[in-house]
Amino acid sequence: MAAGTNLRPVVKLKSTAGTGYTYVTRKNRRNDPDRLTIRKYDPIARKHVEFREER
């Protein structure tokens, strides 16, 4: 088994605009132990909004 698979889990990023749109990405647990927040484009809202990590 590869030890790196648990270090970089797949996370879902959900839009804070309330549209329900999500992105799927990987994150490094050592560098980002807290919840991830990224500003990305929401095509339903048609603007850039913050996306927060879902658990």
PDB file of N, CA and C in Angstrom:
ATOM      1  N   MET A   1       0.828  -1.197   0.000  1.00  0.00           N
ATOM      2  CA  MET A   1       0.000   0.000   0.000  1.00  0.00           C
ATOM      3  C   MET A   1       0.866   1.251   0.000  1.00  0.00           C
ATOM      4  N   ALA A   2       0.444   2.246  -0.726  1.00  0.00           N
ATOM      5  CA  ALA A   2       1.166   3.505  -0.764  1.00  0.00           C
ATOM      6  C   ALA A   2       0.792   4.344   0.448  1.00  0.00           C
ATOM      7  N   ALA A   3       1.784   4.902   1.101  1.00  0.00           N
ATOM      8  CA  ALA A   3       1.535   5.699   2.300  1.00  0.00           C
ATOM      9  C   ALA A   3       1.024   7.097   1.954  1.00  0.00           C
ATOM     10  N   GLY A   4       1.250   7.569   0.734  1.00  0.00           N
ATOM     11  CA  GLY A   4       0.868   8.925   0.346  1.00  0.00           C
ATOM     12  C   GLY A   4      -0.604   9.114   0.058  1.00  0.00           C
ATOM     13  N   THR A   5      -1.370   8.049  -0.059  1.00  0.00           N
ATOM     14  CA  THR A   5      -2.785   8.196  -0.389  1.00  0.00           C
ATOM     15  C   THR A   5      -3.571   8.808   0.764  1.00  0.00           C
ATOM     16  N   ASN A   6      -3.146   8.546   2.004  1.00  0.00           N
ATOM     17  CA  ASN A   6      -3.834   9.117   3.154  1.00  0.00           C
ATOM     18  C   ASN A   6      -3.380  10.545   3.422  1.00  0.00           C
ATOM     19  N   LEU A   7      -2.211  10.920   2.916  1.00  0.00           N
ATOM     20  CA  LEU A   7      -1.679  12.255   3.136  1.00  0.00           C
ATOM     21  C   LEU A   7      -2.384  13.287   2.255  1.00  0.00           C
ATOM     22  N   ARG A   8      -2.837  12.883   1.076  1.00  0.00           N
ATOM     23  CA  ARG A   8      -3.529  13.785   0.150  1.00  0.00           C
ATOM     24  C   ARG A   8      -4.940  13.285  -0.125  1.00  0.00           C
ATOM     25  N   PRO A   9      -5.886  13.536   0.776  1.00  0.00           N
ATOM     26  CA  PRO A   9      -7.251  13.063   0.545  1.00  0.00           C
ATOM     27  C   PRO A   9      -7.991  13.922  -0.475  1.00  0.00           C
ATOM     28  N   VAL A  10      -9.005  13.346  -1.082  1.00  0.00           N
ATOM     29  CA  VAL A  10      -9.878  14.067  -2.014  1.00  0.00           C
ATOM     30  C   VAL A  10     -10.914  14.820  -1.187  1.00  0.00           C
ATOM     31  N   VAL A  11     -11.075  16.125  -1.457  1.00  0.00           N
ATOM     32  CA  VAL A  11     -12.048  16.940  -0.728  1.00  0.00           C
ATOM     33  C   VAL A  11     -12.995  17.611  -1.715  1.00  0.00           C
ATOM     34  N   LYS A  12     -14.218  17.881  -1.245  1.00  0.00           N
ATOM     35  CA  LYS A  12     -15.201  18.600  -2.048  1.00  0.00           C
ATOM     36  C   LYS A  12     -15.239  20.044  -1.581  1.00  0.00           C
ATOM     37  N   LEU A  13     -15.215  20.967  -2.536  1.00  0.00           N
ATOM     38  CA  LEU A  13     -15.320  22.391  -2.234  1.00  0.00           C
ATOM     39  C   LEU A  13     -16.704  22.860  -2.657  1.00  0.00           C
ATOM     40  N   LYS A  14     -17.483  23.382  -1.708  1.00  0.00           N
ATOM     41  CA  LYS A  14     -18.853  23.802  -1.977  1.00  0.00           C
ATOM     42  C   LYS A  14     -18.951  25.324  -2.020  1.00  0.00           C
ATOM     43  N   SER A  15     -19.735  25.836  -2.939  1.00  0.00           N
ATOM     44  CA  SER A  15     -19.888  27.277  -3.131  1.00  0.00           C
ATOM     45  C   SER A  15     -20.586  27.923  -1.939  1.00  0.00           C
ATOM     46  N   THR A  16     -20.111  29.097  -1.551  1.00  0.00           N
ATOM     47  CA  THR A  16     -20.758  29.842  -0.472  1.00  0.00           C
ATOM     48  C   THR A  16     -21.877  30.743  -1.003  1.00  0.00           C
ATOM     49  N   ALA A  17     -22.062  30.757  -2.331  1.00  0.00           N
ATOM     50  CA  ALA A  17     -23.131  31.571  -2.930  1.00  0.00           C
ATOM     51  C   ALA A  17     -24.494  30.903  -2.782  1.00  0.00           C
ATOM     52  N   GLY A  18     -24.514  29.649  -2.320  1.00  0.00           N
ATOM     53  CA  GLY A  18     -25.782  28.961  -2.123  1.00  0.00           C
ATOM     54  C   GLY A  18     -26.324  28.290  -3.366  1.00  0.00           C
ATOM     55  N   THR A  19     -25.508  28.131  -4.395  1.00  0.00           N
ATOM     56  CA  THR A  19     -25.973  27.514  -5.631  1.00  0.00           C
ATOM     57  C   THR A  19     -25.873  25.998  -5.597  1.00  0.00           C
ATOM     58  N   GLY A  20     -25.065  25.467  -4.682  1.00  0.00           N
ATOM     59  CA  GLY A  20     -24.891  24.022  -4.608  1.00  0.00           C
ATOM     60  C   GLY A  20     -23.811  23.484  -5.524  1.00  0.00           C
ATOM     61  N   TYR A  21     -23.118  24.361  -6.234  1.00  0.00           N
ATOM     62  CA  TYR A  21     -22.054  23.941  -7.149  1.00  0.00           C
ATOM     63  C   TYR A  21     -20.827  23.512  -6.350  1.00  0.00           C
ATOM     64  N   THR A  22     -20.163  22.432  -6.791  1.00  0.00           N
ATOM     65  CA  THR A  22     -18.990  21.925  -6.073  1.00  0.00           C
ATOM     66  C   THR A  22     -17.832  21.684  -7.024  1.00  0.00           C
ATOM     67  N   TYR A  23     -16.628  21.806  -6.490  1.00  0.00           N
ATOM     68  CA  TYR A  23     -15.395  21.401  -7.153  1.00  0.00           C
ATOM     69  C   TYR A  23     -14.820  20.250  -6.346  1.00  0.00           C
ATOM     70  N   VAL A  24     -14.059  19.370  -6.995  1.00  0.00           N
ATOM     71  CA  VAL A  24     -13.378  18.281  -6.312  1.00  0.00           C
ATOM     72  C   VAL A  24     -11.884  18.474  -6.508  1.00  0.00           C
ATOM     73  N   THR A  25     -11.123  18.414  -5.415  1.00  0.00           N
ATOM     74  CA  THR A  25      -9.678  18.612  -5.486  1.00  0.00           C
ATOM     75  C   THR A  25      -8.996  17.764  -4.428  1.00  0.00           C
ATOM     76  N   ARG A  26      -7.678  17.784  -4.419  1.00  0.00           N
ATOM     77  CA  ARG A  26      -6.891  17.093  -3.400  1.00  0.00           C
ATOM     78  C   ARG A  26      -6.180  18.140  -2.553  1.00  0.00           C
ATOM     79  N   LYS A  27      -5.922  17.808  -1.287  1.00  0.00           N
ATOM     80  CA  LYS A  27      -5.178  18.733  -0.453  1.00  0.00           C
ATOM     81  C   LYS A  27      -4.155  17.983   0.376  1.00  0.00           C
ATOM     82  N   ASN A  28      -3.098  18.676   0.745  1.00  0.00           N
ATOM     83  CA  ASN A  28      -2.051  18.096   1.565  1.00  0.00           C
ATOM     84  C   ASN A  28      -2.391  18.365   3.031  1.00  0.00           C
ATOM     85  N   ARG A  29      -2.545  17.311   3.819  1.00  0.00           N
ATOM     86  CA  ARG A  29      -2.937  17.483   5.220  1.00  0.00           C
ATOM     87  C   ARG A  29      -1.841  18.116   6.064  1.00  0.00           C
ATOM     88  N   ARG A  30      -0.599  17.914   5.695  1.00  0.00           N
ATOM     89  CA  ARG A  30       0.496  18.522   6.476  1.00  0.00           C
ATOM     90  C   ARG A  30       0.549  20.027   6.290  1.00  0.00           C
ATOM     91  N   ASN A  31       0.338  20.498   5.069  1.00  0.00           N
ATOM     92  CA  ASN A  31       0.393  21.935   4.803  1.00  0.00           C
ATOM     93  C   ASN A  31      -0.909  22.647   5.171  1.00  0.00           C
ATOM     94  N   ASP A  32      -2.050  21.987   5.000  1.00  0.00           N
ATOM     95  CA  ASP A  32      -3.360  22.595   5.260  1.00  0.00           C
ATOM     96  C   ASP A  32      -4.187  21.702   6.177  1.00  0.00           C
ATOM     97  N   PRO A  33      -3.897  21.702   7.469  1.00  0.00           N
ATOM     98  CA  PRO A  33      -4.683  20.841   8.374  1.00  0.00           C
ATOM     99  C   PRO A  33      -6.100  21.375   8.610  1.00  0.00           C
ATOM    100  N   ASP A  34      -6.301  22.691   8.429  1.00  0.00           N
ATOM    101  CA  ASP A  34      -7.625  23.284   8.617  1.00  0.00           C
ATOM    102  C   ASP A  34      -8.451  23.117   7.351  1.00  0.00           C
ATOM    103  N   ARG A  35      -9.683  23.598   7.412  1.00  0.00           N
ATOM    104  CA  ARG A  35     -10.534  23.523   6.225  1.00  0.00           C
ATOM    105  C   ARG A  35     -10.033  24.473   5.152  1.00  0.00           C
ATOM    106  N   LEU A  36     -10.099  24.012   3.927  1.00  0.00           N
ATOM    107  CA  LEU A  36      -9.581  24.755   2.780  1.00  0.00           C
ATOM    108  C   LEU A  36     -10.617  25.766   2.298  1.00  0.00           C
ATOM    109  N   THR A  37     -10.176  26.976   1.961  1.00  0.00           N
ATOM    110  CA  THR A  37     -11.043  28.003   1.382  1.00  0.00           C
ATOM    111  C   THR A  37     -10.341  28.570   0.155  1.00  0.00           C
ATOM    112  N   ILE A  38     -10.982  28.443  -1.007  1.00  0.00           N
ATOM    113  CA  ILE A  38     -10.403  28.909  -2.266  1.00  0.00           C
ATOM    114  C   ILE A  38     -11.435  29.753  -3.003  1.00  0.00           C
ATOM    115  N   ARG A  39     -10.974  30.818  -3.635  1.00  0.00           N
ATOM    116  CA  ARG A  39     -11.853  31.667  -4.435  1.00  0.00           C
ATOM    117  C   ARG A  39     -11.824  31.163  -5.871  1.00  0.00           C
ATOM    118  N   LYS A  40     -12.968  30.662  -6.362  1.00  0.00           N
ATOM    119  CA  LYS A  40     -13.061  30.089  -7.701  1.00  0.00           C
ATOM    120  C   LYS A  40     -14.331  30.578  -8.390  1.00  0.00           C
ATOM    121  N   TYR A  41     -14.458  30.233  -9.671  1.00  0.00           N
ATOM    122  CA  TYR A  41     -15.607  30.667 -10.470  1.00  0.00           C
ATOM    123  C   TYR A  41     -16.797  29.735 -10.266  1.00  0.00           C
ATOM    124  N   ASP A  42     -17.947  30.323  -9.993  1.00  0.00           N
ATOM    125  CA  ASP A  42     -19.201  29.575  -9.877  1.00  0.00           C
ATOM    126  C   ASP A  42     -20.020  29.860 -11.140  1.00  0.00           C
ATOM    127  N   PRO A  43     -20.156  28.871 -12.038  1.00  0.00           N
ATOM    128  CA  PRO A  43     -20.864  29.133 -13.299  1.00  0.00           C
ATOM    129  C   PRO A  43     -22.362  29.376 -13.129  1.00  0.00           C
ATOM    130  N   ILE A  44     -22.956  28.909 -12.053  1.00  0.00           N
ATOM    131  CA  ILE A  44     -24.387  29.143 -11.835  1.00  0.00           C
ATOM    132  C   ILE A  44     -24.613  30.586 -11.390  1.00  0.00           C
ATOM    133  N   ALA A  45     -23.765  31.082 -10.472  1.00  0.00           N
ATOM    134  CA  ALA A  45     -23.856  32.470 -10.023  1.00  0.00           C
ATOM    135  C   ALA A  45     -23.194  33.427 -11.017  1.00  0.00           C
ATOM    136  N   ARG A  46     -22.374  32.873 -11.927  1.00  0.00           N
ATOM    137  CA  ARG A  46     -21.661  33.610 -12.963  1.00  0.00           C
ATOM    138  C   ARG A  46     -20.735  34.670 -12.389  1.00  0.00           C
ATOM    139  N   LYS A  47     -20.019  34.310 -11.305  1.00  0.00           N
ATOM    140  CA  LYS A  47     -19.002  35.192 -10.731  1.00  0.00           C
ATOM    141  C   LYS A  47     -18.072  34.377  -9.838  1.00  0.00           C
ATOM    142  N   HIS A  48     -16.971  34.973  -9.425  1.00  0.00           N
ATOM    143  CA  HIS A  48     -16.031  34.322  -8.531  1.00  0.00           C
ATOM    144  C   HIS A  48     -16.528  34.457  -7.097  1.00  0.00           C
ATOM    145  N   VAL A  49     -16.587  33.338  -6.392  1.00  0.00           N
ATOM    146  CA  VAL A  49     -17.017  33.313  -4.982  1.00  0.00           C
ATOM    147  C   VAL A  49     -16.078  32.399  -4.207  1.00  0.00           C
ATOM    148  N   GLU A  50     -16.200  32.423  -2.884  1.00  0.00           N
ATOM    149  CA  GLU A  50     -15.388  31.535  -2.053  1.00  0.00           C
ATOM    150  C   GLU A  50     -16.007  30.153  -2.033  1.00  0.00           C
ATOM    151  N   PHE A  51     -15.165  29.162  -2.114  1.00  0.00           N
ATOM    152  CA  PHE A  51     -15.563  27.772  -1.997  1.00  0.00           C
ATOM    153  C   PHE A  51     -14.907  27.229  -0.743  1.00  0.00           C
ATOM    154  N   ARG A  52     -15.689  26.578   0.127  1.00  0.00           N
ATOM    155  CA  ARG A  52     -15.170  26.046   1.381  1.00  0.00           C
ATOM    156  C   ARG A  52     -15.214  24.520   1.356  1.00  0.00           C
ATOM    157  N   GLU A  53     -14.283  23.939   2.067  1.00  0.00           N
ATOM    158  CA  GLU A  53     -14.182  22.480   2.132  1.00  0.00           C
ATOM    159  C   GLU A  53     -15.357  21.885   2.896  1.00  0.00           C
ATOM    160  N   GLU A  54     -15.940  20.845   2.304  1.00  0.00           N
ATOM    161  CA  GLU A  54     -17.020  20.089   2.930  1.00  0.00           C
ATOM    162  C   GLU A  54     -16.457  18.846   3.574  1.00  0.00           C
ATOM    163  N   ARG A  55     -17.052  18.401   4.662  1.00  0.00           N
ATOM    164  CA  ARG A  55     -16.579  17.154   5.277  1.00  0.00           C
ATOM    165  C   ARG A  55     -17.650  16.113   5.265  1.00  0.00           C
TER     166      ARG A  55
END
